[in-house]
C-alpha atoms as a PDB file:
ATOM      1  CA  MET A   1      98.088  84.077  80.318  1.00  0.00           C
ATOM      2  CA  ARG A   2     100.172  87.183  81.021  1.00  0.00           C
ATOM      3  CA  ARG A   3      99.062  88.712  77.718  1.00  0.00           C
ATOM      4  CA  THR A   4      95.440  88.198  78.756  1.00  0.00           C
ATOM      5  CA  MET A   5      96.133  89.652  82.201  1.00  0.00           C
ATOM      6  CA  PHE A   6      97.797  92.700  80.653  1.00  0.00           C
ATOM      7  CA  HIS A   7      94.795  93.455  78.434  1.00  0.00           C
ATOM      8  CA  THR A   8      92.338  92.888  81.284  1.00  0.00           C
ATOM      9  CA  LEU A   9      94.060  95.323  83.596  1.00  0.00           C
ATOM     10  CA  THR A  10      94.518  98.031  80.981  1.00  0.00           C
ATOM     11  CA  ILE A  11      91.184  98.071  79.197  1.00  0.00           C
ATOM     12  CA  THR A  12      89.815 100.805  81.448  1.00  0.00           C
ATOM     13  CA  LEU A  13      92.996 102.836  81.454  1.00  0.00           C
ATOM     14  CA  LEU A  14      93.609 102.801  77.719  1.00  0.00           C
ATOM     15  CA  THR A  15      90.514 104.883  77.094  1.00  0.00           C
ATOM     16  CA  SER A  16      92.227 107.792  78.816  1.00  0.00           C
ATOM     17  CA  MET A  17      95.697 107.587  77.271  1.00  0.00           C
ATOM     18  CA  VAL A  18      97.276 111.004  76.700  1.00  0.00           C
ATOM     19  CA  LEU A  19     100.755 112.382  76.486  1.00  0.00           C
ATOM     20  CA  ILE A  20     102.243 113.546  79.777  1.00  0.00           C
ATOM     21  CA  PRO A  21     102.921 117.295  79.684  1.00  0.00           C
ATOM     22  CA  THR A  22     105.688 118.956  81.615  1.00  0.00           C
ATOM     23  CA  ILE A  23     104.844 120.565  84.949  1.00  0.00           C
ATOM     24  CA  SER A  24     107.855 122.782  85.266  1.00  0.00           C
ATOM     25  CA  ALA A  25     105.234 125.516  85.610  1.00  0.00           C
ATOM     26  CA  LEU A  26     104.636 124.247  89.139  1.00  0.00           C
ATOM     27  CA  SER A  27     107.161 126.630  90.592  1.00  0.00           C
ATOM     28  CA  THR A  28     107.069 129.421  88.007  1.00  0.00           C
ATOM     29  CA  VAL A  29     103.474 130.240  87.082  1.00  0.00           C
ATOM     30  CA  SER A  30     101.817 132.825  89.286  1.00  0.00           C
ATOM     31  CA  ALA A  31      98.855 131.875  91.416  1.00  0.00           C
ATOM     32  CA  VAL A  32      96.643 134.560  89.859  1.00  0.00           C
ATOM     33  CA  SER A  33      97.140 133.398  86.285  1.00  0.00           C
ATOM     34  CA  ALA A  34      97.372 129.664  86.896  1.00  0.00           C
ATOM     35  CA  GLN A  35      94.959 128.699  89.662  1.00  0.00           C
ATOM     36  CA  LYS A  36      91.705 127.613  88.047  1.00  0.00           C
ATOM     37  CA  ALA A  37      90.319 124.779  90.161  1.00  0.00           C
ATOM     38  CA  THR A  38      87.696 125.381  92.836  1.00  0.00           C
ATOM     39  CA  VAL A  39      88.037 121.860  94.213  1.00  0.00           C
ATOM     40  CA  VAL A  40      90.890 119.386  94.770  1.00  0.00           C
ATOM     41  CA  ARG A  41      89.885 115.714  94.424  1.00  0.00           C
ATOM     42  CA  LEU A  42      92.044 113.453  96.582  1.00  0.00           C
ATOM     43  CA  GLY A  43      92.359 109.676  96.505  1.00  0.00           C
ATOM     44  CA  TYR A  44      93.918 107.511  99.247  1.00  0.00           C
ATOM     45  CA  PHE A  45      93.602 104.140 101.043  1.00  0.00           C
ATOM     46  CA  PRO A  46      92.526 103.244 104.607  1.00  0.00           C
ATOM     47  CA  ASN A  47      95.988 101.884 105.478  1.00  0.00           C
ATOM     48  CA  LEU A  48      98.777 102.928 107.819  1.00  0.00           C
ATOM     49  CA  THR A  49     101.019 103.288 104.785  1.00  0.00           C
ATOM     50  CA  HIS A  50      98.744 106.212 103.863  1.00  0.00           C
ATOM     51  CA  ALA A  51      99.034 107.729 107.336  1.00  0.00           C
ATOM     52  CA  ALA A  52      99.964 111.147 105.951  1.00  0.00           C
ATOM     53  CA  ALA A  53      96.623 111.293 104.157  1.00  0.00           C
ATOM     54  CA  LEU A  54      94.733 110.047 107.221  1.00  0.00           C
ATOM     55  CA  VAL A  55      96.326 112.660 109.489  1.00  0.00           C
ATOM     56  CA  GLY A  56      96.034 115.449 106.925  1.00  0.00           C
ATOM     57  CA  LEU A  57      92.305 114.791 106.683  1.00  0.00           C
ATOM     58  CA  ALA A  58      91.681 114.235 110.393  1.00  0.00           C
ATOM     59  CA  LYS A  59      93.553 117.352 111.483  1.00  0.00           C
ATOM     60  CA  ASN A  60      92.304 119.462 108.552  1.00  0.00           C
ATOM     61  CA  TYR A  61      95.829 120.227 107.342  1.00  0.00           C
ATOM     62  CA  PHE A  62      94.763 119.951 103.706  1.00  0.00           C
ATOM     63  CA  THR A  63      91.750 122.228 104.034  1.00  0.00           C
ATOM     64  CA  GLN A  64      93.769 124.757 106.027  1.00  0.00           C
ATOM     65  CA  GLU A  65      96.438 125.008 103.339  1.00  0.00           C
ATOM     66  CA  LEU A  66      93.979 124.977 100.445  1.00  0.00           C
ATOM     67  CA  GLY A  67      92.036 127.892 101.900  1.00  0.00           C
ATOM     68  CA  SER A  68      88.807 128.623 100.032  1.00  0.00           C
ATOM     69  CA  VAL A  69      89.331 125.744  97.594  1.00  0.00           C
ATOM     70  CA  LYS A  70      87.176 122.752  98.491  1.00  0.00           C
ATOM     71  CA  LEU A  71      88.703 119.340  99.181  1.00  0.00           C
ATOM     72  CA  GLU A  72      86.885 116.182  98.108  1.00  0.00           C
ATOM     73  CA  ALA A  73      88.544 113.042  99.486  1.00  0.00           C
ATOM     74  CA  LYS A  74      87.693 109.467  98.550  1.00  0.00           C
ATOM     75  CA  SER A  75      89.194 106.233  99.887  1.00  0.00           C
ATOM     76  CA  PHE A  76      89.995 103.295  97.613  1.00  0.00           C
ATOM     77  CA  VAL A  77      90.794  99.632  98.244  1.00  0.00           C
ATOM     78  CA  SER A  78      93.991  99.649  96.208  1.00  0.00           C
ATOM     79  CA  GLY A  79      96.099 101.373  93.584  1.00  0.00           C
ATOM     80  CA  THR A  80      94.335  99.472  90.825  1.00  0.00           C
ATOM     81  CA  THR A  81      90.959 101.005  91.659  1.00  0.00           C
ATOM     82  CA  LEU A  82      92.457 104.445  92.284  1.00  0.00           C
ATOM     83  CA  ASN A  83      94.177 104.260  88.887  1.00  0.00           C
ATOM     84  CA  GLU A  84      90.820 103.616  87.245  1.00  0.00           C
ATOM     85  CA  ALA A  85      89.417 106.757  88.860  1.00  0.00           C
ATOM     86  CA  PHE A  86      92.548 108.687  87.884  1.00  0.00           C
ATOM     87  CA  ALA A  87      92.190 107.510  84.275  1.00  0.00           C
ATOM     88  CA  ALA A  88      88.556 108.618  84.280  1.00  0.00           C
ATOM     89  CA  GLY A  89      89.613 112.132  85.340  1.00  0.00           C
ATOM     90  CA  GLU A  90      88.035 111.804  88.786  1.00  0.00           C
ATOM     91  CA  ILE A  91      91.212 112.308  90.864  1.00  0.00           C
ATOM     92  CA  ASP A  92      93.624 115.270  90.880  1.00  0.00           C
ATOM     93  CA  ILE A  93      96.054 114.164  93.593  1.00  0.00           C
ATOM     94  CA  GLY A  94      96.467 110.738  95.118  1.00  0.00           C
ATOM     95  CA  TYR A  95      98.386 108.528  97.511  1.00  0.00           C
ATOM     96  CA  ILE A  96      99.257 105.312  95.696  1.00  0.00           C
ATOM     97  CA  GLY A  97     101.773 102.481  95.537  1.00  0.00           C
ATOM     98  CA  PRO A  98     104.753 102.688  93.175  1.00  0.00           C
ATOM     99  CA  GLY A  99     103.584  99.730  91.089  1.00  0.00           C
ATOM    100  CA  PRO A 100     100.283 101.260  89.923  1.00  0.00           C
ATOM    101  CA  ALA A 101     101.964 104.675  89.518  1.00  0.00           C
ATOM    102  CA  ILE A 102     104.534 103.196  87.135  1.00  0.00           C
ATOM    103  CA  ASN A 103     101.875 101.227  85.282  1.00  0.00           C
ATOM    104  CA  ALA A 104      99.803 104.377  84.798  1.00  0.00           C
ATOM    105  CA  ALA A 105     102.788 106.304  83.431  1.00  0.00           C
ATOM    106  CA  VAL A 106     103.610 103.558  80.938  1.00  0.00           C
ATOM    107  CA  ARG A 107     100.025 103.646  79.677  1.00  0.00           C
ATOM    108  CA  GLY A 108     100.272 107.333  78.949  1.00  0.00           C
ATOM    109  CA  MET A 109      98.254 108.714  81.822  1.00  0.00           C
ATOM    110  CA  PRO A 110      99.116 112.341  82.798  1.00  0.00           C
ATOM    111  CA  ILE A 111     100.788 111.412  86.058  1.00  0.00           C
ATOM    112  CA  GLN A 112     103.797 112.556  88.010  1.00  0.00           C
ATOM    113  CA  ILE A 113     105.200 111.538  91.394  1.00  0.00           C
ATOM    114  CA  ILE A 114     105.746 114.642  93.529  1.00  0.00           C
ATOM    115  CA  ALA A 115     106.605 113.187  96.966  1.00  0.00           C
ATOM    116  CA  GLY A 116     107.101 110.048  98.977  1.00  0.00           C
ATOM    117  CA  ALA A 117     104.667 109.071 101.744  1.00  0.00           C
ATOM    118  CA  SER A 118     105.893 105.795 103.250  1.00  0.00           C
ATOM    119  CA  ASN A 119     108.502 103.090 102.893  1.00  0.00           C
ATOM    120  CA  ALA A 120     108.244  99.350 103.731  1.00  0.00           C
ATOM    121  CA  GLY A 121     105.141  98.555 105.830  1.00  0.00           C
ATOM    122  CA  ALA A 122     103.970  95.372 104.075  1.00  0.00           C
ATOM    123  CA  VAL A 123     104.105  91.823 105.470  1.00  0.00           C
ATOM    124  CA  LEU A 124     103.192  88.312 104.381  1.00  0.00           C
ATOM    125  CA  VAL A 125     101.020  86.643 107.032  1.00  0.00           C
ATOM    126  CA  ALA A 126      99.923  83.011 107.154  1.00  0.00           C
ATOM    127  CA  ARG A 127      96.746  81.796 108.824  1.00  0.00           C
ATOM    128  CA  LYS A 128      97.419  79.729 111.931  1.00  0.00           C
ATOM    129  CA  GLY A 129      97.052  76.073 111.072  1.00  0.00           C
ATOM    130  CA  ALA A 130      97.525  76.601 107.328  1.00  0.00           C
ATOM    131  CA  GLY A 131     100.782  74.685 107.321  1.00  0.00           C
ATOM    132  CA  ILE A 132     102.879  77.619 106.129  1.00  0.00           C
ATOM    133  CA  SER A 133     106.211  78.442 107.735  1.00  0.00           C
ATOM    134  CA  SER A 134     108.185  79.658 104.722  1.00  0.00           C
ATOM    135  CA  TYR A 135     107.682  81.095 101.245  1.00  0.00           C
ATOM    136  CA  LYS A 136     108.083  77.616  99.762  1.00  0.00           C
ATOM    137  CA  ASP A 137     105.022  76.454 101.712  1.00  0.00           C
ATOM    138  CA  LEU A 138     102.793  78.778  99.659  1.00  0.00           C
ATOM    139  CA  ALA A 139     102.595  76.001  97.056  1.00  0.00           C
ATOM    140  CA  GLY A 140      99.012  74.781  96.793  1.00  0.00           C
ATOM    141  CA  LYS A 141      97.694  77.603  98.996  1.00  0.00           C
ATOM    142  CA  LYS A 142      95.267  80.507  98.577  1.00  0.00           C
ATOM    143  CA  VAL A 143      97.083  83.809  99.018  1.00  0.00           C
ATOM    144  CA  ALA A 144      95.426  87.238  99.137  1.00  0.00           C
ATOM    145  CA  VAL A 145      96.556  90.621  97.862  1.00  0.00           C
ATOM    146  CA  PRO A 146      94.547  93.880  97.922  1.00  0.00           C
ATOM    147  CA  SER A 147      93.880  93.725  94.166  1.00  0.00           C
ATOM    148  CA  LEU A 148      95.340  92.457  90.922  1.00  0.00           C
ATOM    149  CA  GLY A 149      98.138  94.701  89.687  1.00  0.00           C
ATOM    150  CA  ASN A 150      98.653  96.576  92.939  1.00  0.00           C
ATOM    151  CA  THR A 151     102.012  96.933  94.712  1.00  0.00           C
ATOM    152  CA  GLN A 152     101.580  93.898  96.991  1.00  0.00           C
ATOM    153  CA  ASP A 153     100.475  91.768  94.041  1.00  0.00           C
ATOM    154  CA  ILE A 154     103.650  92.697  92.153  1.00  0.00           C
ATOM    155  CA  SER A 155     105.762  91.939  95.221  1.00  0.00           C
ATOM    156  CA  LEU A 156     104.092  88.568  95.756  1.00  0.00           C
ATOM    157  CA  ARG A 157     104.664  87.514  92.157  1.00  0.00           C
ATOM    158  CA  HIS A 158     108.368  88.327  92.573  1.00  0.00           C
ATOM    159  CA  ILE A 159     108.559  86.272  95.774  1.00  0.00           C
ATOM    160  CA  LEU A 160     106.896  83.309  94.058  1.00  0.00           C
ATOM    161  CA  LYS A 161     109.260  83.564  91.093  1.00  0.00           C
ATOM    162  CA  GLU A 162     112.280  83.514  93.413  1.00  0.00           C
ATOM    163  CA  GLN A 163     110.890  80.359  95.045  1.00  0.00           C
ATOM    164  CA  GLY A 164     110.199  78.628  91.744  1.00  0.00           C
ATOM    165  CA  LEU A 165     106.442  78.827  92.286  1.00  0.00           C
ATOM    166  CA  GLN A 166     103.712  79.912  89.892  1.00  0.00           C
ATOM    167  CA  LEU A 167     100.115  81.094  90.089  1.00  0.00           C
ATOM    168  CA  THR A 168      97.318  78.758  89.044  1.00  0.00           C
ATOM    169  CA  GLN A 169      96.558  80.873  85.963  1.00  0.00           C
ATOM    170  CA  GLU A 170     100.158  80.320  84.882  1.00  0.00           C
ATOM    171  CA  GLY A 171      99.973  76.567  85.344  1.00  0.00           C
ATOM    172  CA  GLY A 172     101.177  76.603  88.961  1.00  0.00           C
ATOM    173  CA  THR A 173      99.533  75.797  92.280  1.00  0.00           C
ATOM    174  CA  VAL A 174      99.313  79.146  94.126  1.00  0.00           C
ATOM    175  CA  ALA A 175      95.817  80.639  93.960  1.00  0.00           C
ATOM    176  CA  LEU A 176      95.791  84.444  93.992  1.00  0.00           C
ATOM    177  CA  VAL A 177      92.769  86.025  95.683  1.00  0.00           C
ATOM    178  CA  PRO A 178      92.125  89.802  95.497  1.00  0.00           C
ATOM    179  CA  ILE A 179      90.491  91.034  98.711  1.00  0.00           C
ATOM    180  CA  ALA A 180      90.420  94.281 100.676  1.00  0.00           C
ATOM    181  CA  PRO A 181      93.074  94.195 103.442  1.00  0.00           C
ATOM    182  CA  ALA A 182      90.511  95.064 106.109  1.00  0.00           C
ATOM    183  CA  ASP A 183      88.497  91.943 105.150  1.00  0.00           C
ATOM    184  CA  VAL A 184      91.350  89.419 105.332  1.00  0.00           C
ATOM    185  CA  ALA A 185      90.876  88.678 109.057  1.00  0.00           C
ATOM    186  CA  THR A 186      87.319  87.511 108.410  1.00  0.00           C
ATOM    187  CA  ALA A 187      88.511  85.355 105.504  1.00  0.00           C
ATOM    188  CA  PHE A 188      91.193  83.834 107.749  1.00  0.00           C
ATOM    189  CA  ALA A 189      88.622  83.039 110.434  1.00  0.00           C
ATOM    190  CA  SER A 190      86.444  81.171 107.917  1.00  0.00           C
ATOM    191  CA  LYS A 191      89.529  79.450 106.423  1.00  0.00           C
ATOM    192  CA  GLN A 192      88.807  80.865 102.978  1.00  0.00           C
ATOM    193  CA  LEU A 193      92.419  82.053 102.764  1.00  0.00           C
ATOM    194  CA  ASP A 194      95.749  80.558 103.778  1.00  0.00           C
ATOM    195  CA  ALA A 195      97.972  83.648 103.620  1.00  0.00           C
ATOM    196  CA  ALA A 196      97.960  87.299 102.625  1.00  0.00           C
ATOM    197  CA  LEU A 197     100.476  89.950 101.610  1.00  0.00           C
ATOM    198  CA  VAL A 198      98.995  93.108 103.109  1.00  0.00           C
ATOM    199  CA  PRO A 199      99.990  96.658 103.995  1.00  0.00           C
ATOM    200  CA  GLU A 200      99.974  97.713 107.626  1.00  0.00           C
ATOM    201  CA  PRO A 201      98.166  97.939 109.975  1.00  0.00           C
ATOM    202  CA  TRP A 202      96.368  94.873 108.635  1.00  0.00           C
ATOM    203  CA  GLY A 203      99.444  92.668 109.021  1.00  0.00           C
ATOM    204  CA  ALA A 204      99.634  93.511 112.712  1.00  0.00           C
ATOM    205  CA  VAL A 205      95.890  92.921 113.082  1.00  0.00           C
ATOM    206  CA  LEU A 206      96.244  89.440 111.582  1.00  0.00           C
ATOM    207  CA  GLU A 207      99.314  88.750 113.715  1.00  0.00           C
ATOM    208  CA  GLN A 208      97.555  89.615 116.955  1.00  0.00           C
ATOM    209  CA  ARG A 209      94.665  87.342 115.979  1.00  0.00           C
ATOM    210  CA  GLY A 210      96.952  84.354 115.618  1.00  0.00           C
ATOM    211  CA  GLY A 211      98.474  84.875 112.182  1.00  0.00           C
ATOM    212  CA  VAL A 212     102.132  84.030 111.607  1.00  0.00           C
ATOM    213  CA  ILE A 213     104.501  86.512 109.950  1.00  0.00           C
ATOM    214  CA  ILE A 214     106.218  84.609 107.127  1.00  0.00           C
ATOM    215  CA  GLY A 215     107.802  87.642 105.476  1.00  0.00           C
ATOM    216  CA  ASN A 216     108.372  90.908 107.320  1.00  0.00           C
ATOM    217  CA  GLU A 217     108.914  94.361 105.822  1.00  0.00           C
ATOM    218  CA  LYS A 218     112.632  93.661 105.349  1.00  0.00           C
ATOM    219  CA  THR A 219     112.452  90.178 103.857  1.00  0.00           C
ATOM    220  CA  ILE A 220     109.681  91.122 101.423  1.00  0.00           C
ATOM    221  CA  TRP A 221     112.174  93.119  99.332  1.00  0.00           C
ATOM    222  CA  ARG A 222     115.386  95.201  99.498  1.00  0.00           C
ATOM    223  CA  GLU A 223     115.774  94.966 103.272  1.00  0.00           C
ATOM    224  CA  GLY A 224     112.791  97.286 103.669  1.00  0.00           C
ATOM    225  CA  ASN A 225     114.347 100.103 101.634  1.00  0.00           C
ATOM    226  CA  TYR A 226     111.571 100.582  99.098  1.00  0.00           C
ATOM    227  CA  PRO A 227     108.679 103.015  98.649  1.00  0.00           C
ATOM    228  CA  THR A 228     105.251 101.678  99.514  1.00  0.00           C
ATOM    229  CA  THR A 229     103.295 104.890  98.996  1.00  0.00           C
ATOM    230  CA  VAL A 230     104.011 107.947  96.858  1.00  0.00           C
ATOM    231  CA  VAL A 231     102.052 111.114  96.120  1.00  0.00           C
ATOM    232  CA  ILE A 232     100.934 111.560  92.527  1.00  0.00           C
ATOM    233  CA  VAL A 233      99.342 114.457  90.676  1.00  0.00           C
ATOM    234  CA  ASN A 234      97.550 114.841  87.377  1.00  0.00           C
ATOM    235  CA  THR A 235     100.047 116.891  85.383  1.00  0.00           C
ATOM    236  CA  LYS A 236      97.323 118.886  83.637  1.00  0.00           C
ATOM    237  CA  PHE A 237      95.891 119.839  87.020  1.00  0.00           C
ATOM    238  CA  ALA A 238      99.374 120.705  88.288  1.00  0.00           C
ATOM    239  CA  ALA A 239     100.197 122.918  85.322  1.00  0.00           C
ATOM    240  CA  ASN A 240      96.959 124.860  85.753  1.00  0.00           C
ATOM    241  CA  ASN A 241      97.032 124.973  89.573  1.00  0.00           C
ATOM    242  CA  PRO A 242     100.656 125.147  90.776  1.00  0.00           C
ATOM    243  CA  GLU A 243      99.831 126.982  93.985  1.00  0.00           C
ATOM    244  CA  LEU A 244      97.240 124.394  94.958  1.00  0.00           C
ATOM    245  CA  VAL A 245      99.779 121.620  94.451  1.00  0.00           C
ATOM    246  CA  LYS A 246     102.260 123.529  96.580  1.00  0.00           C
ATOM    247  CA  ALA A 247      99.627 124.088  99.272  1.00  0.00           C
ATOM    248  CA  PHE A 248      98.759 120.390  99.261  1.00  0.00           C
ATOM    249  CA  LEU A 249     102.397 119.399  99.637  1.00  0.00           C
ATOM    250  CA  LYS A 250     102.795 121.798 102.549  1.00  0.00           C
ATOM    251  CA  ALA A 251      99.964 119.963 104.291  1.00  0.00           C
ATOM    252  CA  HIS A 252     101.505 116.614 103.360  1.00  0.00           C
ATOM    253  CA  VAL A 253     104.846 117.612 104.908  1.00  0.00           C
ATOM    254  CA  LYS A 254     103.017 118.880 108.002  1.00  0.00           C
ATOM    255  CA  SER A 255     101.219 115.525 108.353  1.00  0.00           C
ATOM    256  CA  VAL A 256     104.435 113.516 108.038  1.00  0.00           C
ATOM    257  CA  ASN A 257     106.167 115.727 110.623  1.00  0.00           C
ATOM    258  CA  PHE A 258     103.242 115.384 113.032  1.00  0.00           C
ATOM    259  CA  ILE A 259     103.318 111.589 112.781  1.00  0.00           C
ATOM    260  CA  ASN A 260     107.066 111.423 113.383  1.00  0.00           C
ATOM    261  CA  THR A 261     107.132 113.831 116.323  1.00  0.00           C
ATOM    262  CA  ASN A 262     103.906 113.109 118.202  1.00  0.00           C
ATOM    263  CA  GLY A 263     103.986 109.353 118.937  1.00  0.00           C
ATOM    264  CA  PRO A 264     100.850 108.416 120.924  1.00  0.00           C
ATOM    265  CA  ALA A 265      98.880 111.455 119.768  1.00  0.00           C
ATOM    266  CA  ALA A 266      99.535 110.634 116.124  1.00  0.00           C
ATOM    267  CA  GLN A 267      98.626 106.988 116.708  1.00  0.00           C
ATOM    268  CA  GLY A 268      95.330 108.063 118.224  1.00  0.00           C
ATOM    269  CA  VAL A 269      94.506 110.237 115.219  1.00  0.00           C
ATOM    270  CA  ILE A 270      95.371 107.437 112.794  1.00  0.00           C
ATOM    271  CA  ALA A 271      93.385 104.815 114.718  1.00  0.00           C
ATOM    272  CA  ALA A 272      90.318 107.057 114.856  1.00  0.00           C
ATOM    273  CA  LYS A 273      90.440 107.764 111.125  1.00  0.00           C
ATOM    274  CA  LEU A 274      90.889 104.083 110.280  1.00  0.00           C
ATOM    275  CA  PHE A 275      87.881 103.211 112.440  1.00  0.00           C
ATOM    276  CA  GLU A 276      85.834 105.884 110.672  1.00  0.00           C
ATOM    277  CA  LEU A 277      86.736 104.418 107.286  1.00  0.00           C
ATOM    278  CA  THR A 278      86.675 100.675 108.007  1.00  0.00           C
ATOM    279  CA  LYS A 279      84.585 100.341 111.182  1.00  0.00           C
ATOM    280  CA  GLN A 280      87.413  98.251 112.613  1.00  0.00           C
ATOM    281  CA  LYS A 281      89.107  99.218 115.850  1.00  0.00           C
ATOM    282  CA  ILE A 282      92.897  99.108 115.644  1.00  0.00           C
ATOM    283  CA  GLU A 283      94.354  98.341 119.058  1.00  0.00           C
ATOM    284  CA  PRO A 284      97.339 100.416 120.326  1.00  0.00           C
ATOM    285  CA  LEU A 285      99.645  97.374 120.247  1.00  0.00           C
ATOM    286  CA  GLN A 286      98.660  96.642 116.652  1.00  0.00           C
ATOM    287  CA  LEU A 287      99.403 100.199 115.617  1.00  0.00           C
ATOM    288  CA  GLN A 288     102.715 100.241 117.468  1.00  0.00           C
ATOM    289  CA  ARG A 289     103.830  97.039 115.717  1.00  0.00           C
ATOM    290  CA  SER A 290     102.737  98.463 112.396  1.00  0.00           C
ATOM    291  CA  LEU A 291     104.691 101.671 112.860  1.00  0.00           C
ATOM    292  CA  LYS A 292     107.854  99.735 113.702  1.00  0.00           C
ATOM    293  CA  ARG A 293     107.577  98.098 110.290  1.00  0.00           C
ATOM    294  CA  THR A 294     106.650 101.274 108.403  1.00  0.00           C
ATOM    295  CA  VAL A 295     108.593 104.462 107.704  1.00  0.00           C
ATOM    296  CA  ILE A 296     106.396 107.525 107.240  1.00  0.00           C
ATOM    297  CA  THR A 297     108.468 109.907 105.145  1.00  0.00           C
ATOM    298  CA  THR A 298     108.426 112.278 102.182  1.00  0.00           C
ATOM    299  CA  LYS A 299     111.607 110.636 100.869  1.00  0.00           C
ATOM    300  CA  PHE A 300     112.069 107.539  98.738  1.00  0.00           C
ATOM    301  CA  ASP A 301     114.877 105.745  96.956  1.00  0.00           C
ATOM    302  CA  LEU A 302     114.691 106.524  93.235  1.00  0.00           C
ATOM    303  CA  GLU A 303     116.706 103.423  92.405  1.00  0.00           C
ATOM    304  CA  ALA A 304     114.188 101.293  94.294  1.00  0.00           C
ATOM    305  CA  LEU A 305     111.416 102.911  92.262  1.00  0.00           C
ATOM    306  CA  LYS A 306     113.239 102.018  89.051  1.00  0.00           C
ATOM    307  CA  GLU A 307     113.684  98.447  90.257  1.00  0.00           C
ATOM    308  CA  TYR A 308     109.953  98.302  90.918  1.00  0.00           C
ATOM    309  CA  GLY A 309     109.532  99.059  87.235  1.00  0.00           C
ATOM    310  CA  ASP A 310     111.561  95.939  86.484  1.00  0.00           C
ATOM    311  CA  LEU A 311     109.312  93.893  88.794  1.00  0.00           C
ATOM    312  CA  ASN A 312     106.267  95.224  86.932  1.00  0.00           C
ATOM    313  CA  LYS A 313     107.749  93.981  83.672  1.00  0.00           C
ATOM    314  CA  GLU A 314     108.626  90.656  85.278  1.00  0.00           C
ATOM    315  CA  ALA A 315     105.005  90.266  86.424  1.00  0.00           C
ATOM    316  CA  GLY A 316     103.700  91.052  82.939  1.00  0.00           C
ATOM    317  CA  PHE A 317     101.824  94.236  83.825  1.00  0.00           C
ATOM    318  CA  ILE A 318     103.913  96.457  81.535  1.00  0.00           C
ATOM    319  CA  ARG A 319     106.114  95.841  78.513  1.00  0.00           C
ATOM    320  CA  THR A 320     108.284  98.951  78.656  1.00  0.00           C
ATOM    321  CA  LEU A 321     109.579 101.227  81.410  1.00  0.00           C
ATOM    322  CA  PRO A 322     108.594 104.873  81.823  1.00  0.00           C
ATOM    323  CA  ASP A 323     110.994 107.799  81.632  1.00  0.00           C
ATOM    324  CA  PHE A 324     111.679 108.130  85.355  1.00  0.00           C
ATOM    325  CA  ASN A 325     113.177 111.596  84.885  1.00  0.00           C
ATOM    326  CA  GLN A 326     109.776 112.687  83.632  1.00  0.00           C
ATOM    327  CA  LEU A 327     107.734 110.571  86.019  1.00  0.00           C
ATOM    328  CA  VAL A 328     109.372 111.986  89.170  1.00  0.00           C
ATOM    329  CA  ASN A 329     109.336 115.723  89.926  1.00  0.00           C
ATOM    330  CA  LEU A 330     110.346 116.693  93.458  1.00  0.00           C
ATOM    331  CA  GLU A 331     111.058 120.369  92.747  1.00  0.00           C
ATOM    332  CA  VAL A 332     108.103 121.757  94.679  1.00  0.00           C
ATOM    333  CA  LEU A 333     108.678 119.423  97.616  1.00  0.00           C
ATOM    334  CA  LYS A 334     112.306 120.520  97.809  1.00  0.00           C
ATOM    335  CA  SER A 335     111.311 124.189  97.713  1.00  0.00           C
ATOM    336  CA  ILE A 336     108.997 123.621 100.684  1.00  0.00           C
ATOM    337  CA  GLN A 337     111.588 121.744 102.721  1.00  0.00           C
ATOM    338  CA  LYS A 338     114.445 124.244 102.262  1.00  0.00           C
END
């Protein structure tokens, strides 16, 4: 079944396979000779783990730094759907989970990670009355993830493997259900789902509505020391538009700093943007709980990223690992933060 799953998830992406060029030009090519784009196409998710994108858009940090270059931003349900848009050449820069980023690199997409955006910030929540109090109790249950092949899906498969459990398509008893995180609460209320591994703030939303936290951000994996969101760029775009990439990262750093130094004000901005995107009101207590379980930062542990590659292989989404020295390029970020 894993072979079938692998082909299903890659059929769209394989049509866009290309070799990844170097983007050392990011910090060396002049703006006059290199900048060619008149628009920057940004992809992101309506989650707290993408708070830097939410704040950058709400406070116009991106447009301010990009100047006369237009910004087109589009929200996606998960990394799987954003990857499809990236493969189709519809996205230049994106906020995405490490799992889909690694998968894209292995499949030859022109992608590079240029910054971190958040660490931890994902929880496994059980519906009240579902009879789940531990990972072992997921046997025979319906468990949701944002989409097949996304970061939470990969994490869930690892949890199940550690517990000796398998998905129904592998001959086991755990039914995997892909559903947008913002829609899980409704599915819980109608008892269509028993549990869900979701990014924040949706874990806190489910918790406040009676859900039970079975796995918090630390017990999910590596004591919470793992990247949940990274910033990626199309390397062709980066090579041709180094100053735009630098301008974008300046706005990204500004967003992260605002979130970490402006408490209630930042929470208000995030809540308003999430409501705009999902039409769901995130209560202050929900957001506060979410932020305690999420680290908004430009940094990430490279070793954790490499280990995520191993989890991808374990789950059957990739067969080989990417060259992480080529996949990760933090030169421009470092030059901004000096």
